[in-house]
Amino acid sequence: MIKTLFIRSGTARISFGVEVVLDEPVNTTLKWGMVLQPNVAKNQLHLVSEEIVDLDTKETLVQYKASTCIDNT
């Protein structure tokens, strides 16, 4: 069952997430969130970050953050 859903959109990034309640046999609530950055010129969406947290145990199950390489030469 989906408990809550949020979507935020700014000029550069789109954030959204959802809380999901898992029934028997798991009986836990997970929060899943993602941040995307559009590249309009290339018609693409890039994953900036993603996280899944078990809200009952406060344990982070999945965490991803994109890294960028900056060449200053």
N, C-alpha and C. Protein backbone atom coordinates (compact mmCIF):
# COMPACT_ATOMS: atom_id res chain seq x y z
N MET A 1 0.84 -1.16 0.00
CA MET A 1 0.00 0.00 0.00
C MET A 1 0.90 1.24 0.00
N ILE A 2 0.61 2.18 -0.86
CA ILE A 2 1.34 3.45 -0.90
C ILE A 2 0.74 4.39 0.13
N LYS A 3 1.57 4.85 1.06
CA LYS A 3 1.10 5.69 2.15
C LYS A 3 1.16 7.17 1.77
N THR A 4 2.32 7.63 1.31
CA THR A 4 2.46 9.02 0.90
C THR A 4 3.30 9.10 -0.37
N LEU A 5 3.10 10.16 -1.10
CA LEU A 5 3.84 10.40 -2.33
C LEU A 5 4.16 11.88 -2.39
N PHE A 6 5.39 12.21 -2.77
CA PHE A 6 5.72 13.63 -2.94
C PHE A 6 6.48 13.81 -4.24
N ILE A 7 6.25 14.94 -4.86
CA ILE A 7 6.95 15.32 -6.08
C ILE A 7 7.29 16.80 -5.96
N ARG A 8 8.55 17.13 -6.18
CA ARG A 8 8.99 18.53 -6.18
C ARG A 8 9.75 18.78 -7.48
N SER A 9 9.45 19.86 -8.10
CA SER A 9 10.12 20.18 -9.36
C SER A 9 10.61 21.61 -9.31
N GLY A 10 11.89 21.77 -9.60
CA GLY A 10 12.47 23.10 -9.70
C GLY A 10 12.94 23.31 -11.13
N THR A 11 13.77 24.29 -11.30
CA THR A 11 14.25 24.58 -12.66
C THR A 11 15.31 23.59 -13.10
N ALA A 12 16.03 22.97 -12.16
CA ALA A 12 17.13 22.10 -12.54
C ALA A 12 16.95 20.64 -12.15
N ARG A 13 16.13 20.35 -11.14
CA ARG A 13 16.02 18.97 -10.65
C ARG A 13 14.58 18.62 -10.32
N ILE A 14 14.31 17.35 -10.41
CA ILE A 14 13.00 16.80 -10.07
C ILE A 14 13.21 15.80 -8.94
N SER A 15 12.53 16.00 -7.82
CA SER A 15 12.62 15.09 -6.67
C SER A 15 11.28 14.42 -6.47
N PHE A 16 11.30 13.13 -6.21
CA PHE A 16 10.07 12.46 -5.85
C PHE A 16 10.36 11.28 -4.95
N GLY A 17 9.36 10.90 -4.22
CA GLY A 17 9.52 9.78 -3.30
C GLY A 17 8.18 9.21 -2.92
N VAL A 18 8.25 8.07 -2.27
CA VAL A 18 7.04 7.39 -1.87
C VAL A 18 7.32 6.57 -0.61
N GLU A 19 6.32 6.50 0.26
CA GLU A 19 6.37 5.60 1.40
C GLU A 19 5.47 4.42 1.09
N VAL A 20 6.01 3.24 1.24
CA VAL A 20 5.28 2.02 0.93
C VAL A 20 5.18 1.17 2.19
N VAL A 21 3.97 0.76 2.55
CA VAL A 21 3.75 -0.11 3.69
C VAL A 21 3.64 -1.54 3.18
N LEU A 22 4.55 -2.40 3.65
CA LEU A 22 4.55 -3.80 3.25
C LEU A 22 3.86 -4.62 4.34
N ASP A 23 2.86 -5.39 3.94
CA ASP A 23 2.10 -6.22 4.88
C ASP A 23 2.81 -7.56 5.09
N GLU A 24 2.07 -8.52 5.60
CA GLU A 24 2.59 -9.87 5.87
C GLU A 24 3.32 -10.41 4.67
N PRO A 25 4.40 -11.09 4.80
CA PRO A 25 5.09 -11.47 6.04
C PRO A 25 6.15 -10.45 6.48
N VAL A 26 6.29 -9.34 5.76
CA VAL A 26 7.38 -8.40 6.03
C VAL A 26 7.02 -7.40 7.14
N ASN A 27 5.85 -6.80 7.05
CA ASN A 27 5.39 -5.82 8.04
C ASN A 27 6.40 -4.71 8.32
N THR A 28 6.67 -3.91 7.32
CA THR A 28 7.58 -2.78 7.49
C THR A 28 7.16 -1.66 6.54
N THR A 29 7.72 -0.47 6.77
CA THR A 29 7.46 0.67 5.90
C THR A 29 8.77 1.11 5.29
N LEU A 30 8.77 1.24 3.97
CA LEU A 30 9.96 1.69 3.26
C LEU A 30 9.72 3.07 2.67
N LYS A 31 10.76 3.88 2.67
CA LYS A 31 10.71 5.18 2.01
C LYS A 31 11.71 5.15 0.86
N TRP A 32 11.21 5.43 -0.34
CA TRP A 32 12.05 5.43 -1.53
C TRP A 32 12.03 6.81 -2.14
N GLY A 33 13.20 7.36 -2.38
CA GLY A 33 13.29 8.69 -2.96
C GLY A 33 14.31 8.73 -4.09
N MET A 34 14.09 9.64 -5.02
CA MET A 34 14.97 9.76 -6.18
C MET A 34 15.03 11.22 -6.61
N VAL A 35 16.20 11.64 -7.08
CA VAL A 35 16.38 12.97 -7.64
C VAL A 35 16.91 12.80 -9.06
N LEU A 36 16.22 13.44 -10.00
CA LEU A 36 16.60 13.38 -11.41
C LEU A 36 16.94 14.77 -11.91
N GLN A 37 17.86 14.84 -12.85
CA GLN A 37 18.22 16.12 -13.46
C GLN A 37 18.02 16.00 -14.97
N PRO A 38 17.15 16.82 -15.53
CA PRO A 38 16.91 16.74 -16.97
C PRO A 38 18.02 17.41 -17.78
N ASN A 39 18.27 16.85 -18.94
CA ASN A 39 19.15 17.47 -19.94
C ASN A 39 18.28 17.65 -21.18
N VAL A 40 17.69 18.82 -21.29
CA VAL A 40 16.72 19.09 -22.35
C VAL A 40 17.37 19.01 -23.73
N ALA A 41 18.59 19.49 -23.85
CA ALA A 41 19.27 19.50 -25.14
C ALA A 41 19.44 18.09 -25.70
N LYS A 42 19.68 17.11 -24.81
CA LYS A 42 19.88 15.73 -25.24
C LYS A 42 18.64 14.87 -25.03
N ASN A 43 17.56 15.47 -24.52
CA ASN A 43 16.32 14.75 -24.24
C ASN A 43 16.58 13.55 -23.32
N GLN A 44 17.27 13.81 -22.19
CA GLN A 44 17.65 12.76 -21.25
C GLN A 44 17.33 13.17 -19.81
N LEU A 45 17.19 12.16 -18.96
CA LEU A 45 17.10 12.35 -17.52
C LEU A 45 18.27 11.63 -16.89
N HIS A 46 18.98 12.31 -15.98
CA HIS A 46 20.12 11.72 -15.31
C HIS A 46 19.76 11.48 -13.84
N LEU A 47 20.11 10.30 -13.34
CA LEU A 47 19.88 9.97 -11.94
C LEU A 47 20.95 10.65 -11.10
N VAL A 48 20.52 11.54 -10.20
CA VAL A 48 21.44 12.26 -9.32
C VAL A 48 21.63 11.47 -8.03
N SER A 49 20.51 11.00 -7.45
CA SER A 49 20.61 10.22 -6.22
C SER A 49 19.35 9.37 -6.04
N GLU A 50 19.52 8.31 -5.26
CA GLU A 50 18.41 7.42 -4.95
C GLU A 50 18.68 6.82 -3.57
N GLU A 51 17.60 6.64 -2.81
CA GLU A 51 17.75 6.08 -1.47
C GLU A 51 16.50 5.31 -1.08
N ILE A 52 16.71 4.16 -0.46
CA ILE A 52 15.61 3.37 0.11
C ILE A 52 15.95 3.15 1.58
N VAL A 53 15.02 3.57 2.46
CA VAL A 53 15.23 3.47 3.90
C VAL A 53 14.09 2.69 4.53
N ASP A 54 14.42 1.77 5.42
CA ASP A 54 13.43 1.07 6.23
C ASP A 54 13.09 2.00 7.39
N LEU A 55 11.89 2.55 7.42
CA LEU A 55 11.52 3.53 8.44
C LEU A 55 11.35 2.92 9.82
N ASP A 56 11.10 1.62 9.89
CA ASP A 56 10.94 0.97 11.19
C ASP A 56 12.28 0.79 11.90
N THR A 57 13.30 0.41 11.16
CA THR A 57 14.62 0.18 11.75
C THR A 57 15.58 1.34 11.51
N LYS A 58 15.17 2.32 10.67
CA LYS A 58 16.00 3.46 10.28
C LYS A 58 17.25 3.02 9.51
N GLU A 59 17.22 1.83 8.94
CA GLU A 59 18.35 1.29 8.19
C GLU A 59 18.26 1.74 6.73
N THR A 60 19.37 2.22 6.19
CA THR A 60 19.44 2.57 4.78
C THR A 60 19.75 1.30 3.99
N LEU A 61 18.81 0.91 3.14
CA LEU A 61 18.97 -0.32 2.38
C LEU A 61 19.70 -0.10 1.06
N VAL A 62 19.44 1.03 0.42
CA VAL A 62 20.09 1.39 -0.84
C VAL A 62 20.41 2.87 -0.80
N GLN A 63 21.63 3.22 -1.20
CA GLN A 63 21.98 4.63 -1.30
C GLN A 63 22.92 4.81 -2.48
N TYR A 64 22.53 5.72 -3.38
CA TYR A 64 23.33 6.00 -4.56
C TYR A 64 23.41 7.51 -4.75
N LYS A 65 24.60 7.99 -4.99
CA LYS A 65 24.80 9.41 -5.33
C LYS A 65 25.75 9.45 -6.51
N ALA A 66 25.35 10.14 -7.55
CA ALA A 66 26.18 10.26 -8.74
C ALA A 66 27.40 11.12 -8.42
N SER A 67 28.51 10.73 -8.97
CA SER A 67 29.72 11.53 -8.80
C SER A 67 30.07 12.15 -10.15
N THR A 68 30.70 13.29 -10.07
CA THR A 68 31.11 13.97 -11.30
C THR A 68 32.61 14.17 -11.29
N CYS A 69 33.18 14.10 -12.44
CA CYS A 69 34.60 14.31 -12.59
C CYS A 69 34.81 15.67 -13.24
N ILE A 70 35.53 16.55 -12.57
CA ILE A 70 35.76 17.90 -13.09
C ILE A 70 37.21 18.00 -13.52
N ASP A 71 37.42 18.33 -14.77
CA ASP A 71 38.76 18.49 -15.31
C ASP A 71 39.07 19.97 -15.39
N ASN A 72 39.97 20.44 -14.57
CA ASN A 72 40.32 21.86 -14.52
C ASN A 72 41.55 22.19 -15.35
N THR A 73 41.95 21.32 -16.27
CA THR A 73 43.16 21.59 -17.06
C THR A 73 42.83 22.39 -18.28
